[in-house]
Amino acid sequence: MTETFLDGRVKARQPETGFRSGTDAVLLAAAVPARAGQSALELGAGAGAASLCLAARVPGLDLTGVEVDPALAALAEANAAASDLPTHFVAADVFALPPSLRREYDQVFANPPFHGEGNAPSDAARARALMDDGSLPQWLSIGLQRTVSGGFFTAIIRADRLGEALAALPPRGVNILPLWPRAGMAAKRAVLQARKGSRAPVGLLPGLALHDAEGRYTAEAEAILRHGASLALDSARL
């Protein structure tokens, strides 16, 4: 199944069964404060949707995605070629990165597994993408570890796991942006952004409402999801 993102600028073939990237991947890519010439690493890239959306939004990145499933990593490579976006994908375990990837990057980002409770999906690939089995803090710690001093680590997680996530990150230099299904509803997702080595206090930012009362995307969400606008997390304050 081939899906398009950013009004067709990104084409991503995804598995017929199992986990498929969607809105979270686009929002994550929009939140990464990357600039041309920087290095970037995605942890848990899947079929490459988030990395390719970032590459489309910020040309000139040295961007690598890591995915534990070799078939998905190969699919991501094919998607990069189909979208004509210079992004490289490697089949590797995030928790045991090969020496070539064990360096620091200007930007590191992840949409980690963040469903820690409940019944796991029967599809093994979908379960691996969704269920973290208590490993969420480790994902976040590894992300920050791979980030250069002064660089940014960005992740999208379930909002009800914010406490656990913040405990795994430094007590300073973190911004939090809630994502509301619509105005007046509790956030289901949140974007976390940490600047390595920053001494700025933790910031709870104005959030983004994704839908209006009629269920349509808000103008702000539409600009991000379809037109490639950035999801600014006020990185200048960190």
C-alpha atoms as a PDB file:
ATOM      1  CA  MET A   1       0.000   0.000   0.000  1.00  0.00           C
ATOM      2  CA  THR A   2       1.464   3.341  -1.069  1.00  0.00           C
ATOM      3  CA  GLU A   3       0.493   6.435   0.893  1.00  0.00           C
ATOM      4  CA  THR A   4       1.401  10.040   0.241  1.00  0.00           C
ATOM      5  CA  PHE A   5       2.360  12.718   2.740  1.00  0.00           C
ATOM      6  CA  LEU A   6       2.823  16.493   2.491  1.00  0.00           C
ATOM      7  CA  ASP A   7       0.466  16.772  -0.486  1.00  0.00           C
ATOM      8  CA  GLY A   8       2.301  14.099  -2.453  1.00  0.00           C
ATOM      9  CA  ARG A   9       5.852  15.333  -1.895  1.00  0.00           C
ATOM     10  CA  VAL A  10       6.571  12.100  -0.008  1.00  0.00           C
ATOM     11  CA  LYS A  11       5.513   8.685  -1.292  1.00  0.00           C
ATOM     12  CA  ALA A  12       5.802   5.797   1.149  1.00  0.00           C
ATOM     13  CA  ARG A  13       4.862   2.229   0.438  1.00  0.00           C
ATOM     14  CA  GLN A  14       3.851   0.613   3.726  1.00  0.00           C
ATOM     15  CA  PRO A  15       3.086  -2.973   4.747  1.00  0.00           C
ATOM     16  CA  GLU A  16      -0.400  -4.253   3.975  1.00  0.00           C
ATOM     17  CA  THR A  17      -0.555  -5.646   7.511  1.00  0.00           C
ATOM     18  CA  GLY A  18       1.163  -4.511  10.684  1.00  0.00           C
ATOM     19  CA  PHE A  19       2.016  -0.964  11.726  1.00  0.00           C
ATOM     20  CA  ARG A  20       1.681   1.904   9.238  1.00  0.00           C
ATOM     21  CA  SER A  21       2.882   5.447   9.871  1.00  0.00           C
ATOM     22  CA  GLY A  22       0.416   8.325   9.761  1.00  0.00           C
ATOM     23  CA  THR A  23      -0.192  11.692  11.393  1.00  0.00           C
ATOM     24  CA  ASP A  24       2.285  11.122  14.245  1.00  0.00           C
ATOM     25  CA  ALA A  25       5.154  10.697  11.774  1.00  0.00           C
ATOM     26  CA  VAL A  26       4.378  13.974   9.995  1.00  0.00           C
ATOM     27  CA  LEU A  27       4.002  15.900  13.256  1.00  0.00           C
ATOM     28  CA  LEU A  28       7.264  14.465  14.568  1.00  0.00           C
ATOM     29  CA  ALA A  29       9.154  15.492  11.436  1.00  0.00           C
ATOM     30  CA  ALA A  30       7.635  18.979  11.600  1.00  0.00           C
ATOM     31  CA  ALA A  31       8.864  19.412  15.182  1.00  0.00           C
ATOM     32  CA  VAL A  32      12.543  18.707  14.454  1.00  0.00           C
ATOM     33  CA  PRO A  33      14.371  22.086  14.321  1.00  0.00           C
ATOM     34  CA  ALA A  34      16.841  20.962  11.665  1.00  0.00           C
ATOM     35  CA  ARG A  35      18.848  23.143   9.300  1.00  0.00           C
ATOM     36  CA  ALA A  36      20.553  22.355   6.011  1.00  0.00           C
ATOM     37  CA  GLY A  37      24.001  20.870   6.528  1.00  0.00           C
ATOM     38  CA  GLN A  38      23.181  19.249   9.864  1.00  0.00           C
ATOM     39  CA  SER A  39      23.304  15.541  10.668  1.00  0.00           C
ATOM     40  CA  ALA A  40      20.122  13.780  11.776  1.00  0.00           C
ATOM     41  CA  LEU A  41      19.244  10.308  13.055  1.00  0.00           C
ATOM     42  CA  GLU A  42      15.816   8.693  13.374  1.00  0.00           C
ATOM     43  CA  LEU A  43      15.475   5.842  15.856  1.00  0.00           C
ATOM     44  CA  GLY A  44      12.857   3.283  14.815  1.00  0.00           C
ATOM     45  CA  ALA A  45      12.229   4.548  11.286  1.00  0.00           C
ATOM     46  CA  GLY A  46       9.698   1.959  10.093  1.00  0.00           C
ATOM     47  CA  ALA A  47       9.032   2.458   6.393  1.00  0.00           C
ATOM     48  CA  GLY A  48      10.667   5.887   6.553  1.00  0.00           C
ATOM     49  CA  ALA A  49       7.705   8.286   6.621  1.00  0.00           C
ATOM     50  CA  ALA A  50       9.015  10.640   9.337  1.00  0.00           C
ATOM     51  CA  SER A  51      12.552  10.809   7.950  1.00  0.00           C
ATOM     52  CA  LEU A  52      11.289  11.431   4.430  1.00  0.00           C
ATOM     53  CA  CYS A  53       8.926  14.175   5.608  1.00  0.00           C
ATOM     54  CA  LEU A  54      11.859  15.840   7.386  1.00  0.00           C
ATOM     55  CA  ALA A  55      14.069  15.491   4.295  1.00  0.00           C
ATOM     56  CA  ALA A  56      11.330  17.048   2.155  1.00  0.00           C
ATOM     57  CA  ARG A  57      10.916  19.952   4.581  1.00  0.00           C
ATOM     58  CA  VAL A  58      14.653  20.587   5.134  1.00  0.00           C
ATOM     59  CA  PRO A  59      16.786  19.831   2.063  1.00  0.00           C
ATOM     60  CA  GLY A  60      20.500  19.340   2.580  1.00  0.00           C
ATOM     61  CA  LEU A  61      20.399  17.153   5.697  1.00  0.00           C
ATOM     62  CA  ASP A  62      22.748  14.227   6.298  1.00  0.00           C
ATOM     63  CA  LEU A  63      19.893  11.995   7.445  1.00  0.00           C
ATOM     64  CA  THR A  64      19.991   8.347   8.548  1.00  0.00           C
ATOM     65  CA  GLY A  65      17.099   6.195   9.766  1.00  0.00           C
ATOM     66  CA  VAL A  66      17.537   3.061  11.891  1.00  0.00           C
ATOM     67  CA  GLU A  67      14.990   0.244  11.760  1.00  0.00           C
ATOM     68  CA  VAL A  68      15.311  -3.173  13.415  1.00  0.00           C
ATOM     69  CA  ASP A  69      13.237  -4.999  10.764  1.00  0.00           C
ATOM     70  CA  PRO A  70      15.446  -5.550   7.671  1.00  0.00           C
ATOM     71  CA  ALA A  71      12.410  -5.760   5.367  1.00  0.00           C
ATOM     72  CA  LEU A  72      11.119  -2.400   6.607  1.00  0.00           C
ATOM     73  CA  ALA A  73      14.565  -0.830   6.319  1.00  0.00           C
ATOM     74  CA  ALA A  74      14.755  -2.004   2.696  1.00  0.00           C
ATOM     75  CA  LEU A  75      11.247  -0.658   2.086  1.00  0.00           C
ATOM     76  CA  ALA A  76      12.298   2.702   3.546  1.00  0.00           C
ATOM     77  CA  GLU A  77      15.289   2.794   1.184  1.00  0.00           C
ATOM     78  CA  ALA A  78      12.955   2.146  -1.741  1.00  0.00           C
ATOM     79  CA  ASN A  79      10.599   4.869  -0.529  1.00  0.00           C
ATOM     80  CA  ALA A  80      13.483   7.348  -0.363  1.00  0.00           C
ATOM     81  CA  ALA A  81      14.359   6.539  -3.966  1.00  0.00           C
ATOM     82  CA  ALA A  82      10.714   6.821  -5.074  1.00  0.00           C
ATOM     83  CA  SER A  83      10.417  10.230  -3.427  1.00  0.00           C
ATOM     84  CA  ASP A  84      13.871  11.309  -4.699  1.00  0.00           C
ATOM     85  CA  LEU A  85      14.948  12.218  -1.176  1.00  0.00           C
ATOM     86  CA  PRO A  86      18.589  11.562  -0.138  1.00  0.00           C
ATOM     87  CA  THR A  87      17.967   9.608   3.060  1.00  0.00           C
ATOM     88  CA  HIS A  88      19.785   6.431   4.110  1.00  0.00           C
ATOM     89  CA  PHE A  89      18.215   3.636   6.155  1.00  0.00           C
ATOM     90  CA  VAL A  90      20.065   0.976   8.139  1.00  0.00           C
ATOM     91  CA  ALA A  91      18.746  -2.300   9.536  1.00  0.00           C
ATOM     92  CA  ALA A  92      19.936  -2.263  13.148  1.00  0.00           C
ATOM     93  CA  ASP A  93      18.732  -2.551  16.736  1.00  0.00           C
ATOM     94  CA  VAL A  94      18.366   0.839  18.440  1.00  0.00           C
ATOM     95  CA  PHE A  95      19.666  -0.767  21.648  1.00  0.00           C
ATOM     96  CA  ALA A  96      22.765  -2.174  19.901  1.00  0.00           C
ATOM     97  CA  LEU A  97      23.738   0.335  17.236  1.00  0.00           C
ATOM     98  CA  PRO A  98      26.639  -0.610  14.955  1.00  0.00           C
ATOM     99  CA  PRO A  99      29.895   1.322  15.468  1.00  0.00           C
ATOM    100  CA  SER A 100      29.273   3.398  12.335  1.00  0.00           C
ATOM    101  CA  LEU A 101      26.174   4.918  13.968  1.00  0.00           C
ATOM    102  CA  ARG A 102      27.568   5.239  17.491  1.00  0.00           C
ATOM    103  CA  ARG A 103      28.361   8.928  17.160  1.00  0.00           C
ATOM    104  CA  GLU A 104      26.565  12.163  17.987  1.00  0.00           C
ATOM    105  CA  TYR A 105      24.120  13.955  15.707  1.00  0.00           C
ATOM    106  CA  ASP A 106      22.806  17.517  15.550  1.00  0.00           C
ATOM    107  CA  GLN A 107      19.239  16.199  15.514  1.00  0.00           C
ATOM    108  CA  VAL A 108      17.900  12.889  16.833  1.00  0.00           C
ATOM    109  CA  PHE A 109      14.211  12.039  16.704  1.00  0.00           C
ATOM    110  CA  ALA A 110      11.923   9.090  17.415  1.00  0.00           C
ATOM    111  CA  ASN A 111       8.338   7.898  17.478  1.00  0.00           C
ATOM    112  CA  PRO A 112       9.104   5.111  19.960  1.00  0.00           C
ATOM    113  CA  PRO A 113       6.790   2.293  21.043  1.00  0.00           C
ATOM    114  CA  PHE A 114       4.769   3.850  23.860  1.00  0.00           C
ATOM    115  CA  HIS A 115       1.885   1.508  24.658  1.00  0.00           C
ATOM    116  CA  GLY A 116       3.093  -0.165  27.813  1.00  0.00           C
ATOM    117  CA  GLU A 117      -0.123  -1.831  28.937  1.00  0.00           C
ATOM    118  CA  GLY A 118      -3.014  -3.792  27.483  1.00  0.00           C
ATOM    119  CA  ASN A 119      -3.221  -6.656  25.049  1.00  0.00           C
ATOM    120  CA  ALA A 120      -0.545  -6.719  22.390  1.00  0.00           C
ATOM    121  CA  PRO A 121      -1.691  -6.893  18.749  1.00  0.00           C
ATOM    122  CA  SER A 122      -1.607 -10.378  17.249  1.00  0.00           C
ATOM    123  CA  ASP A 123       0.579  -9.126  14.377  1.00  0.00           C
ATOM    124  CA  ALA A 124       4.190  -9.347  15.588  1.00  0.00           C
ATOM    125  CA  ALA A 125       5.425  -6.353  13.586  1.00  0.00           C
ATOM    126  CA  ARG A 126       2.582  -4.159  14.818  1.00  0.00           C
ATOM    127  CA  ALA A 127       3.179  -5.283  18.409  1.00  0.00           C
ATOM    128  CA  ARG A 128       6.899  -4.436  18.126  1.00  0.00           C
ATOM    129  CA  ALA A 129       6.076  -0.955  16.806  1.00  0.00           C
ATOM    130  CA  LEU A 130       3.483  -0.170  19.475  1.00  0.00           C
ATOM    131  CA  MET A 131       4.261  -2.053  22.700  1.00  0.00           C
ATOM    132  CA  ASP A 132       7.342  -0.886  24.590  1.00  0.00           C
ATOM    133  CA  ASP A 133       7.331  -3.463  27.445  1.00  0.00           C
ATOM    134  CA  GLY A 134       8.772  -0.838  29.782  1.00  0.00           C
ATOM    135  CA  SER A 135      11.516   0.289  27.392  1.00  0.00           C
ATOM    136  CA  LEU A 136      10.241   3.848  26.749  1.00  0.00           C
ATOM    137  CA  PRO A 137      12.745   5.452  29.182  1.00  0.00           C
ATOM    138  CA  GLN A 138      15.552   3.557  27.468  1.00  0.00           C
ATOM    139  CA  TRP A 139      14.480   4.839  24.041  1.00  0.00           C
ATOM    140  CA  LEU A 140      14.575   8.400  25.333  1.00  0.00           C
ATOM    141  CA  SER A 141      17.916   7.940  27.088  1.00  0.00           C
ATOM    142  CA  ILE A 142      19.503   6.512  23.947  1.00  0.00           C
ATOM    143  CA  GLY A 143      18.083   9.362  21.862  1.00  0.00           C
ATOM    144  CA  LEU A 144      19.667  11.979  24.096  1.00  0.00           C
ATOM    145  CA  GLN A 145      22.909   9.995  24.293  1.00  0.00           C
ATOM    146  CA  ARG A 146      23.245  10.119  20.497  1.00  0.00           C
ATOM    147  CA  THR A 147      22.632  13.891  20.429  1.00  0.00           C
ATOM    148  CA  VAL A 148      25.573  16.290  20.244  1.00  0.00           C
ATOM    149  CA  SER A 149      25.975  18.876  23.008  1.00  0.00           C
ATOM    150  CA  GLY A 150      23.732  21.788  22.072  1.00  0.00           C
ATOM    151  CA  GLY A 151      21.746  19.582  19.685  1.00  0.00           C
ATOM    152  CA  PHE A 152      18.112  18.519  19.930  1.00  0.00           C
ATOM    153  CA  PHE A 153      16.359  15.241  20.663  1.00  0.00           C
ATOM    154  CA  THR A 154      12.669  15.215  19.661  1.00  0.00           C
ATOM    155  CA  ALA A 155      10.083  12.502  20.356  1.00  0.00           C
ATOM    156  CA  ILE A 156       6.329  12.059  20.128  1.00  0.00           C
ATOM    157  CA  ILE A 157       4.742   9.988  22.884  1.00  0.00           C
ATOM    158  CA  ARG A 158       1.411   9.196  24.502  1.00  0.00           C
ATOM    159  CA  ALA A 159       0.443  12.115  26.751  1.00  0.00           C
ATOM    160  CA  ASP A 160      -0.400   9.907  29.718  1.00  0.00           C
ATOM    161  CA  ARG A 161       3.229   8.747  29.861  1.00  0.00           C
ATOM    162  CA  LEU A 162       4.704  12.209  30.220  1.00  0.00           C
ATOM    163  CA  GLY A 163       5.709  11.660  33.843  1.00  0.00           C
ATOM    164  CA  GLU A 164       7.654   8.521  32.995  1.00  0.00           C
ATOM    165  CA  ALA A 165       9.246  10.199  29.990  1.00  0.00           C
ATOM    166  CA  LEU A 166      10.332  13.322  31.872  1.00  0.00           C
ATOM    167  CA  ALA A 167      11.920  11.150  34.561  1.00  0.00           C
ATOM    168  CA  ALA A 168      14.187   9.682  31.871  1.00  0.00           C
ATOM    169  CA  LEU A 169      15.301  13.105  30.602  1.00  0.00           C
ATOM    170  CA  PRO A 170      17.373  15.851  32.250  1.00  0.00           C
ATOM    171  CA  PRO A 171      15.503  18.163  34.668  1.00  0.00           C
ATOM    172  CA  ARG A 172      16.302  21.150  32.438  1.00  0.00           C
ATOM    173  CA  GLY A 173      16.332  21.962  28.750  1.00  0.00           C
ATOM    174  CA  VAL A 174      13.038  20.259  27.818  1.00  0.00           C
ATOM    175  CA  ASN A 175       9.992  21.658  26.027  1.00  0.00           C
ATOM    176  CA  ILE A 176       6.585  19.930  26.029  1.00  0.00           C
ATOM    177  CA  LEU A 177       3.918  20.581  23.408  1.00  0.00           C
ATOM    178  CA  PRO A 178       0.490  18.923  23.923  1.00  0.00           C
ATOM    179  CA  LEU A 179      -1.437  17.673  20.889  1.00  0.00           C
ATOM    180  CA  TRP A 180      -5.206  17.885  21.386  1.00  0.00           C
ATOM    181  CA  PRO A 181      -7.653  15.921  19.186  1.00  0.00           C
ATOM    182  CA  ARG A 182      -9.700  19.149  19.283  1.00  0.00           C
ATOM    183  CA  ALA A 183      -9.966  22.227  21.495  1.00  0.00           C
ATOM    184  CA  GLY A 184     -11.327  21.455  24.943  1.00  0.00           C
ATOM    185  CA  MET A 185     -10.319  17.776  24.871  1.00  0.00           C
ATOM    186  CA  ALA A 186      -7.494  16.187  26.836  1.00  0.00           C
ATOM    187  CA  ALA A 187      -4.273  15.709  24.911  1.00  0.00           C
ATOM    188  CA  LYS A 188      -3.622  12.173  23.654  1.00  0.00           C
ATOM    189  CA  ARG A 189      -0.140  12.853  22.332  1.00  0.00           C
ATOM    190  CA  ALA A 190       2.671  15.204  23.282  1.00  0.00           C
ATOM    191  CA  VAL A 191       5.890  16.215  21.593  1.00  0.00           C
ATOM    192  CA  LEU A 192       8.970  16.351  23.805  1.00  0.00           C
ATOM    193  CA  GLN A 193      12.081  18.237  22.774  1.00  0.00           C
ATOM    194  CA  ALA A 194      15.292  18.245  24.780  1.00  0.00           C
ATOM    195  CA  ARG A 195      18.373  20.356  24.078  1.00  0.00           C
ATOM    196  CA  LYS A 196      21.417  18.507  25.335  1.00  0.00           C
ATOM    197  CA  GLY A 197      23.315  20.475  27.957  1.00  0.00           C
ATOM    198  CA  SER A 198      20.746  23.266  28.224  1.00  0.00           C
ATOM    199  CA  ARG A 199      20.068  24.879  31.603  1.00  0.00           C
ATOM    200  CA  ALA A 200      16.718  26.385  30.579  1.00  0.00           C
ATOM    201  CA  PRO A 201      13.745  25.441  32.781  1.00  0.00           C
ATOM    202  CA  VAL A 202      11.222  22.917  31.518  1.00  0.00           C
ATOM    203  CA  GLY A 203       8.659  24.637  29.300  1.00  0.00           C
ATOM    204  CA  LEU A 204       5.018  23.662  28.831  1.00  0.00           C
ATOM    205  CA  LEU A 205       4.115  25.272  25.508  1.00  0.00           C
ATOM    206  CA  PRO A 206       0.792  26.258  23.957  1.00  0.00           C
ATOM    207  CA  GLY A 207      -0.488  23.102  22.286  1.00  0.00           C
ATOM    208  CA  LEU A 208      -1.908  22.307  18.866  1.00  0.00           C
ATOM    209  CA  ALA A 209      -5.555  21.353  18.277  1.00  0.00           C
ATOM    210  CA  LEU A 210      -5.663  18.947  15.337  1.00  0.00           C
ATOM    211  CA  HIS A 211      -9.383  19.093  14.484  1.00  0.00           C
ATOM    212  CA  ASP A 212     -12.158  21.658  14.672  1.00  0.00           C
ATOM    213  CA  ALA A 213     -15.658  21.033  16.021  1.00  0.00           C
ATOM    214  CA  GLU A 214     -16.748  19.494  12.696  1.00  0.00           C
ATOM    215  CA  GLY A 215     -13.839  17.058  12.666  1.00  0.00           C
ATOM    216  CA  ARG A 216     -11.865  18.807   9.953  1.00  0.00           C
ATOM    217  CA  TYR A 217      -8.195  19.625  10.388  1.00  0.00           C
ATOM    218  CA  THR A 218      -7.616  23.050  11.855  1.00  0.00           C
ATOM    219  CA  ALA A 219      -5.815  25.566   9.665  1.00  0.00           C
ATOM    220  CA  GLU A 220      -2.682  25.159  11.786  1.00  0.00           C
ATOM    221  CA  ALA A 221      -2.739  21.358  11.501  1.00  0.00           C
ATOM    222  CA  GLU A 222      -3.473  21.554   7.769  1.00  0.00           C
ATOM    223  CA  ALA A 223      -0.426  23.759   7.233  1.00  0.00           C
ATOM    224  CA  ILE A 224       1.778  21.171   8.953  1.00  0.00           C
ATOM    225  CA  LEU A 225       0.270  17.950   7.628  1.00  0.00           C
ATOM    226  CA  ARG A 226      -0.283  18.996   4.027  1.00  0.00           C
ATOM    227  CA  HIS A 227       1.967  21.950   3.315  1.00  0.00           C
ATOM    228  CA  GLY A 228       5.117  21.155   5.291  1.00  0.00           C
ATOM    229  CA  ALA A 229       4.985  23.957   7.858  1.00  0.00           C
ATOM    230  CA  SER A 230       7.122  23.469  10.956  1.00  0.00           C
ATOM    231  CA  LEU A 231       5.666  22.609  14.351  1.00  0.00           C
ATOM    232  CA  ALA A 232       7.648  25.176  16.298  1.00  0.00           C
ATOM    233  CA  LEU A 233       8.577  24.135  19.843  1.00  0.00           C
ATOM    234  CA  ASP A 234      10.235  27.442  20.710  1.00  0.00           C
ATOM    235  CA  SER A 235      13.678  25.840  20.468  1.00  0.00           C
ATOM    236  CA  ALA A 236      15.288  29.281  20.818  1.00  0.00           C
ATOM    237  CA  ARG A 237      14.377  29.358  24.533  1.00  0.00           C
ATOM    238  CA  LEU A 238      16.308  26.161  25.267  1.00  0.00           C
END
